[in-house]
Amino acid sequence: MAPPNKKLKTCPDPENASHHQTVPDEVWISILSFLPPFSLCSMSKTSHRFNCLSRDPTLWTNLNIDWQSIKNHTTSVEGIINRSTKIKSMTVRNRTFEQVNSPQIVMIVKKAKSTLTSLTFSPEIALGNNAIAKLGTMTNLTSLELAGEWIKTAEIKAIRNLVKLEELQMPGAEHVTPNDLEYLFSQLTNLKLVDISDCKKGASDMVVTALAQNNPQLEYLALDECELVTGKSLKVVAEKCPNLKYLSLNGCDEQVNDPVMLKIASSCPQLTHVRLAFSIITDVTLKQLATNCPNLSYVDVFGCDYITERGVGELMDGASKLKYLSISIDVREAFTEKIYKQ
């Protein structure tokens, strides 16, 4: 009787192997880095290899989490945070615009406090007072962005503990006082980006002066609709913050005039973005910006009734890197064509 045929074991042929098996781990990790957290979790369930690759800490440095996920899949979100041993940046959103559970959100966020440096709450996340106060323990933060509607004196006292902050955005903080903000900016001395737009009762000359004097490295300043701010403190900004690149003063109206802007333009040559809508500047300011700020790329002078076609022309001729210009003056058809061509 002939012996039965035996199937011989052979080495896998590289040409016939599954393509994903031949791709090096470092390449797959680079590809997986483009997936959002929950897609990455789904990918990890497809094979043993992808399960191992998806656990690489470098894939979990930036997280975007929605309130719906926190509410409906709390355990899964906590699992993601726990595996994110090197998380640096987190953004919390609320796509359904519903009321959120502030303590639950902060509980999730604080699980990453040992490594987290950048924290953003999108505008539709309305955190309660106690929840905001608890953020004061996250002392590794260098960037914090949150809506200011619920921020009051107690919350300012908590935020002032974040002495490593380089970026602070809390527009709409209408309940804070000048004393609150003045004390805050005397404690935070590493700021490069500040947005306190619409802090109508709190943002004053005293506040802006303290900010400029304690943060000479400031590069970005937004003070839209801060009507208590005058040329007095803006001149201090010009003197103390020569690295300023972005300045937004929309809606500050009569407080923004030629003397103020001449000082800023001459002292802050690195300006790239200037927003002066509805101010009382004239062509003199436009000429000074064009002459002294060679990197100027964005200018908003909408509603500035005292500028003319001539001043706008001088700005366009002098600012060779200008890409955006907002105006509301009547101009000749030929001048309109010149704007479009440039």
Protein backbone atom coordinates (compact mmCIF):
# COMPACT_ATOMS: atom_id res chain seq x y z
CA MET A 1 0.00 0.00 0.00
CA ALA A 2 1.35 3.37 -0.95
CA PRO A 3 1.96 5.74 1.96
CA PRO A 4 -0.57 8.56 2.23
CA ASN A 5 0.40 11.86 0.76
CA LYS A 6 1.65 14.29 3.37
CA LYS A 7 1.20 18.03 3.07
CA LEU A 8 4.56 19.67 3.26
CA LYS A 9 4.94 22.79 5.39
CA THR A 10 6.53 25.59 3.48
CA CYS A 11 7.70 29.04 4.39
CA PRO A 12 5.22 31.73 3.42
CA ASP A 13 5.93 33.31 0.08
CA PRO A 14 6.49 37.06 0.63
CA GLU A 15 4.88 37.77 -2.71
CA ASN A 16 1.67 35.98 -1.67
CA ALA A 17 1.58 37.29 1.92
CA SER A 18 -1.09 39.76 2.95
CA HIS A 19 0.14 43.24 2.13
CA HIS A 20 -0.46 44.64 5.62
CA GLN A 21 1.79 41.95 7.10
CA THR A 22 4.78 43.18 5.13
CA VAL A 23 4.39 46.81 6.14
CA PRO A 24 6.76 47.77 8.99
CA ASP A 25 5.28 48.72 12.36
CA GLU A 26 6.56 52.29 12.20
CA VAL A 27 4.75 52.82 8.88
CA TRP A 28 1.49 51.47 10.25
CA ILE A 29 1.78 53.68 13.32
CA SER A 30 2.20 56.68 11.06
CA ILE A 31 -0.93 55.67 9.11
CA LEU A 32 -2.95 54.97 12.26
CA SER A 33 -2.06 58.40 13.64
CA PHE A 34 -4.59 59.92 11.22
CA LEU A 35 -7.53 58.04 12.79
CA PRO A 36 -9.76 59.56 15.49
CA PRO A 37 -9.78 57.73 18.86
CA PHE A 38 -12.90 55.63 18.36
CA SER A 39 -11.88 54.58 14.85
CA LEU A 40 -8.53 53.58 16.26
CA CYS A 41 -10.29 51.47 18.87
CA SER A 42 -12.34 49.77 16.15
CA MET A 43 -9.19 49.09 14.15
CA SER A 44 -7.59 47.47 17.20
CA LYS A 45 -10.29 44.77 17.17
CA THR A 46 -9.50 43.54 13.66
CA SER A 47 -6.33 41.59 14.43
CA HIS A 48 -3.80 40.85 17.13
CA ARG A 49 -1.20 42.95 15.34
CA PHE A 50 -3.41 46.01 15.03
CA ASN A 51 -4.43 45.59 18.66
CA CYS A 52 -0.77 45.86 19.66
CA LEU A 53 -0.03 48.71 17.27
CA SER A 54 -3.05 50.73 18.38
CA ARG A 55 -1.72 50.77 21.94
CA ASP A 56 1.40 52.71 20.98
CA PRO A 57 1.43 55.81 23.25
CA THR A 58 2.42 58.09 20.37
CA LEU A 59 -1.03 57.53 18.84
CA TRP A 60 -2.75 58.96 21.88
CA THR A 61 -1.21 62.40 22.26
CA ASN A 62 -4.12 64.44 20.82
CA LEU A 63 -7.73 63.60 21.70
CA ASN A 64 -11.01 65.05 20.43
CA ILE A 65 -13.93 63.89 22.55
CA ASP A 66 -17.62 64.73 22.20
CA TRP A 67 -20.00 65.09 25.13
CA GLN A 68 -22.25 62.38 23.64
CA SER A 69 -19.38 59.90 23.88
CA ILE A 70 -18.69 60.85 27.49
CA LYS A 71 -22.38 60.55 28.39
CA ASN A 72 -23.19 57.32 26.55
CA HIS A 73 -19.84 55.50 26.57
CA THR A 74 -18.19 56.62 29.78
CA THR A 75 -16.29 53.38 30.35
CA SER A 76 -14.88 53.40 26.81
CA VAL A 77 -13.78 57.01 27.12
CA GLU A 78 -12.12 56.28 30.44
CA GLY A 79 -10.33 53.35 28.79
CA ILE A 80 -9.04 55.63 26.07
CA ILE A 81 -7.78 58.14 28.63
CA ASN A 82 -6.11 55.40 30.67
CA ARG A 83 -4.19 54.10 27.67
CA SER A 84 -3.19 57.64 26.69
CA THR A 85 -0.08 57.77 28.84
CA LYS A 86 1.46 60.53 26.73
CA ILE A 87 -1.57 62.67 25.97
CA LYS A 88 -0.66 66.32 25.41
CA SER A 89 -3.74 67.92 23.89
CA MET A 90 -7.48 67.42 24.46
CA THR A 91 -10.54 69.07 22.91
CA VAL A 92 -14.03 68.53 24.31
CA ARG A 93 -16.98 69.31 22.03
CA ASN A 94 -20.78 69.26 22.23
CA ARG A 95 -22.14 68.65 18.76
CA THR A 96 -25.76 68.39 19.92
CA PHE A 97 -25.62 71.68 21.88
CA GLU A 98 -27.37 70.04 24.83
CA GLN A 99 -26.86 70.73 28.52
CA VAL A 100 -23.78 68.92 29.78
CA ASN A 101 -22.76 67.35 33.07
CA SER A 102 -19.84 69.59 34.01
CA PRO A 103 -18.48 67.45 36.89
CA GLN A 104 -18.46 64.36 34.66
CA ILE A 105 -16.54 66.17 31.92
CA VAL A 106 -13.94 67.55 34.32
CA MET A 107 -13.57 64.12 35.95
CA ILE A 108 -12.66 62.68 32.53
CA VAL A 109 -10.29 65.54 31.71
CA LYS A 110 -8.45 65.34 35.03
CA LYS A 111 -7.52 61.70 34.39
CA ALA A 112 -4.91 63.09 31.99
CA LYS A 113 -3.67 65.93 34.22
CA SER A 114 -0.16 64.50 34.66
CA THR A 115 0.72 64.88 30.96
CA LEU A 116 -1.94 67.21 29.49
CA THR A 117 -0.61 70.59 28.38
CA SER A 118 -3.34 71.89 26.06
CA LEU A 119 -7.05 71.88 26.92
CA THR A 120 -9.86 73.27 24.78
CA PHE A 121 -13.58 73.36 25.53
CA SER A 122 -15.53 74.35 22.42
CA PRO A 123 -17.93 77.32 22.85
CA GLU A 124 -21.00 75.10 23.16
CA ILE A 125 -19.58 73.49 26.33
CA ALA A 126 -21.03 75.54 29.22
CA LEU A 127 -19.06 74.44 32.26
CA GLY A 128 -20.44 75.22 35.70
CA ASN A 129 -18.57 77.32 38.23
CA ASN A 130 -17.36 74.44 40.40
CA ALA A 131 -16.13 72.52 37.39
CA ILE A 132 -14.07 75.46 36.16
CA ALA A 133 -12.59 75.94 39.62
CA LYS A 134 -11.32 72.34 39.59
CA LEU A 135 -9.25 73.06 36.50
CA GLY A 136 -6.94 75.06 38.76
CA THR A 137 -5.23 71.82 39.80
CA MET A 138 -4.08 71.04 36.25
CA THR A 139 -0.82 72.89 36.70
CA ASN A 140 0.94 71.40 33.65
CA LEU A 141 -1.37 73.26 31.27
CA THR A 142 0.29 75.69 28.88
CA SER A 143 -2.87 76.37 26.85
CA LEU A 144 -6.47 76.78 28.02
CA GLU A 145 -9.50 77.77 25.96
CA LEU A 146 -13.04 77.96 27.32
CA ALA A 147 -16.15 80.11 27.06
CA GLY A 148 -16.15 82.88 29.65
CA GLU A 149 -19.88 83.18 30.39
CA TRP A 150 -19.68 81.32 33.71
CA ILE A 151 -16.33 82.63 34.89
CA LYS A 152 -16.44 84.74 38.02
CA THR A 153 -14.02 85.76 40.76
CA ALA A 154 -13.69 82.25 42.25
CA GLU A 155 -12.86 80.75 38.87
CA ILE A 156 -10.26 83.45 38.16
CA LYS A 157 -8.58 82.54 41.45
CA ALA A 158 -8.33 78.93 40.23
CA ILE A 159 -7.01 79.83 36.77
CA ARG A 160 -4.28 82.01 38.29
CA ASN A 161 -2.70 78.79 39.65
CA LEU A 162 -1.90 77.71 36.09
CA VAL A 163 1.39 79.60 36.07
CA LYS A 164 2.75 77.70 33.04
CA LEU A 165 0.02 79.05 30.76
CA GLU A 166 1.26 80.53 27.50
CA GLU A 167 -2.16 80.71 25.84
CA LEU A 168 -5.39 81.80 27.53
CA GLN A 169 -8.66 82.26 25.65
CA MET A 170 -11.81 83.04 27.63
CA PRO A 171 -13.95 85.41 25.53
CA GLY A 172 -17.26 86.58 26.90
CA ALA A 173 -16.27 86.68 30.59
CA GLU A 174 -18.74 89.42 31.42
CA HIS A 175 -18.92 88.64 35.14
CA VAL A 176 -15.28 89.24 35.99
CA THR A 177 -14.08 92.55 37.40
CA PRO A 178 -11.01 94.64 36.56
CA ASN A 179 -9.50 93.59 39.90
CA ASP A 180 -9.99 89.93 38.98
CA LEU A 181 -8.19 90.25 35.67
CA GLU A 182 -5.48 92.57 36.97
CA TYR A 183 -4.58 90.02 39.64
CA LEU A 184 -4.74 87.17 37.11
CA PHE A 185 -2.28 88.84 34.76
CA SER A 186 0.06 89.69 37.58
CA GLN A 187 0.32 85.96 38.36
CA LEU A 188 0.51 84.61 34.81
CA THR A 189 3.81 85.83 33.35
CA ASN A 190 4.45 83.45 30.42
CA LEU A 191 1.54 84.44 28.21
CA LYS A 192 2.02 84.70 24.45
CA LEU A 193 -1.64 84.52 23.39
CA VAL A 194 -4.56 86.18 25.18
CA ASP A 195 -8.20 86.53 24.11
CA ILE A 196 -10.49 88.35 26.53
CA SER A 197 -12.87 89.71 23.92
CA ASP A 198 -16.31 90.78 25.17
CA CYS A 199 -15.09 91.11 28.77
CA LYS A 200 -16.94 94.40 28.78
CA LYS A 201 -16.96 95.00 32.53
CA GLY A 202 -13.58 93.48 33.33
CA ALA A 203 -11.13 94.46 30.61
CA SER A 204 -9.87 97.94 31.47
CA ASP A 205 -6.68 99.99 31.14
CA MET A 206 -5.49 98.62 34.49
CA VAL A 207 -5.91 95.06 33.20
CA VAL A 208 -4.23 95.58 29.83
CA THR A 209 -1.35 97.44 31.47
CA ALA A 210 -0.77 94.58 33.91
CA LEU A 211 -0.92 92.08 31.07
CA ALA A 212 1.64 93.95 28.97
CA GLN A 213 4.03 94.70 31.81
CA ASN A 214 4.13 91.10 33.03
CA ASN A 215 4.12 89.41 29.62
CA PRO A 216 6.57 91.16 27.30
CA GLN A 217 6.66 88.08 25.04
CA LEU A 218 2.98 88.57 24.08
CA GLU A 219 2.33 87.83 20.38
CA TYR A 220 -1.48 87.62 20.13
CA LEU A 221 -3.98 89.96 21.79
CA ALA A 222 -7.75 90.07 21.21
CA LEU A 223 -9.76 92.80 22.96
CA ASP A 224 -12.85 92.98 20.75
CA GLU A 225 -15.76 94.96 22.23
CA CYS A 226 -13.73 95.92 25.31
CA GLU A 227 -14.96 99.49 25.53
CA LEU A 228 -13.15 100.31 28.80
CA VAL A 229 -9.77 99.89 27.12
CA THR A 230 -8.29 103.18 25.90
CA GLY A 231 -5.21 104.41 24.12
CA LYS A 232 -3.43 104.76 27.45
CA SER A 233 -2.99 101.01 27.96
CA LEU A 234 -2.66 100.21 24.26
CA LYS A 235 0.42 102.42 24.18
CA VAL A 236 1.84 100.35 27.04
CA VAL A 237 1.27 97.24 24.91
CA ALA A 238 3.23 98.91 22.13
CA GLU A 239 6.10 99.75 24.46
CA LYS A 240 6.29 96.45 26.34
CA CYS A 241 5.34 93.86 23.68
CA PRO A 242 7.50 94.38 20.57
CA ASN A 243 6.85 90.81 19.35
CA LEU A 244 3.13 91.41 18.89
CA LYS A 245 1.88 89.77 15.67
CA TYR A 246 -1.90 89.68 16.06
CA LEU A 247 -3.99 92.56 17.39
CA SER A 248 -7.78 92.60 17.36
CA LEU A 249 -9.64 95.71 18.56
CA ASN A 250 -12.91 95.36 16.65
CA GLY A 251 -15.71 97.31 18.26
CA CYS A 252 -13.49 99.38 20.55
CA ASP A 253 -14.73 102.34 18.51
CA GLU A 254 -13.42 105.77 19.51
CA GLN A 255 -10.73 104.33 21.79
CA VAL A 256 -8.75 103.27 18.71
CA ASN A 257 -7.40 106.31 16.87
CA ASP A 258 -4.37 107.46 14.89
CA PRO A 259 -2.06 108.33 17.82
CA VAL A 260 -2.61 104.88 19.33
CA MET A 261 -2.08 102.98 16.09
CA LEU A 262 0.94 105.07 15.06
CA LYS A 263 2.59 104.04 18.32
CA ILE A 264 1.69 100.37 17.82
CA ALA A 265 2.74 100.28 14.17
CA SER A 266 6.11 101.87 14.92
CA SER A 267 6.82 99.68 17.98
CA CYS A 268 5.50 96.32 16.74
CA PRO A 269 7.01 95.73 13.29
CA GLN A 270 6.15 91.99 13.33
CA LEU A 271 2.40 92.59 13.07
CA THR A 272 0.69 90.29 10.56
CA HIS A 273 -2.99 90.59 11.57
CA VAL A 274 -4.73 93.85 12.51
CA ARG A 275 -8.47 94.13 13.16
CA LEU A 276 -9.74 97.68 13.73
CA ALA A 277 -13.36 97.56 12.57
CA PHE A 278 -15.49 100.62 13.43
CA SER A 279 -12.57 102.57 14.86
CA ILE A 280 -11.84 106.24 14.08
CA ILE A 281 -8.48 105.74 12.38
CA THR A 282 -7.64 107.63 9.18
CA ASP A 283 -5.34 107.13 6.20
CA VAL A 284 -2.42 108.08 8.45
CA THR A 285 -2.70 104.74 10.28
CA LEU A 286 -2.92 102.76 7.05
CA LYS A 287 0.21 104.40 5.72
CA GLN A 288 2.13 103.74 8.94
CA LEU A 289 1.10 100.08 8.95
CA ALA A 290 2.22 99.69 5.34
CA THR A 291 5.55 101.38 6.06
CA ASN A 292 6.52 99.76 9.36
CA CYS A 293 4.93 96.28 9.22
CA PRO A 294 6.39 94.41 6.21
CA ASN A 295 4.72 91.08 7.13
CA LEU A 296 1.20 92.48 7.30
CA SER A 297 -1.20 89.99 5.67
CA TYR A 298 -4.63 90.66 7.22
CA VAL A 299 -6.32 94.03 7.75
CA ASP A 300 -9.92 94.61 8.83
CA VAL A 301 -10.97 98.27 8.75
CA PHE A 302 -14.63 97.69 7.99
CA GLY A 303 -16.81 100.54 9.20
CA CYS A 304 -13.88 102.96 9.59
CA ASP A 305 -15.56 106.05 8.16
CA TYR A 306 -12.47 108.27 8.07
CA ILE A 307 -10.32 106.22 5.71
CA THR A 308 -10.35 106.94 1.98
CA GLU A 309 -9.53 105.25 -1.28
CA ARG A 310 -6.16 106.98 -1.24
CA GLY A 311 -5.25 105.52 2.15
CA VAL A 312 -6.33 102.04 1.11
CA GLY A 313 -4.23 102.38 -2.03
CA GLU A 314 -1.15 103.32 0.00
CA LEU A 315 -1.74 100.31 2.22
CA MET A 316 -1.98 97.98 -0.75
CA ASP A 317 1.09 99.44 -2.41
CA GLY A 318 3.21 99.23 0.73
CA ALA A 319 2.05 95.94 2.26
CA SER A 320 3.35 93.46 -0.30
CA LYS A 321 2.18 90.39 1.69
CA LEU A 322 -1.40 91.58 2.18
CA LYS A 323 -3.87 88.75 1.49
CA TYR A 324 -7.06 89.90 3.22
CA LEU A 325 -8.59 93.37 3.33
CA SER A 326 -12.03 94.31 4.68
CA ILE A 327 -13.31 97.82 3.92
CA SER A 328 -16.70 99.49 3.60
CA ILE A 329 -15.91 102.72 1.79
CA ASP A 330 -17.14 103.78 -1.65
CA VAL A 331 -14.42 103.33 -4.26
CA ARG A 332 -14.15 103.83 -8.00
CA GLU A 333 -14.72 100.86 -10.30
CA ALA A 334 -11.11 101.05 -11.47
CA PHE A 335 -9.88 100.85 -7.90
CA THR A 336 -12.10 97.84 -7.24
CA GLU A 337 -10.48 96.07 -10.19
CA LYS A 338 -7.05 96.90 -8.74
CA ILE A 339 -8.04 95.29 -5.44
CA TYR A 340 -9.15 92.09 -7.14
CA LYS A 341 -6.00 91.91 -9.22
CA GLN A 342 -3.78 92.23 -6.17
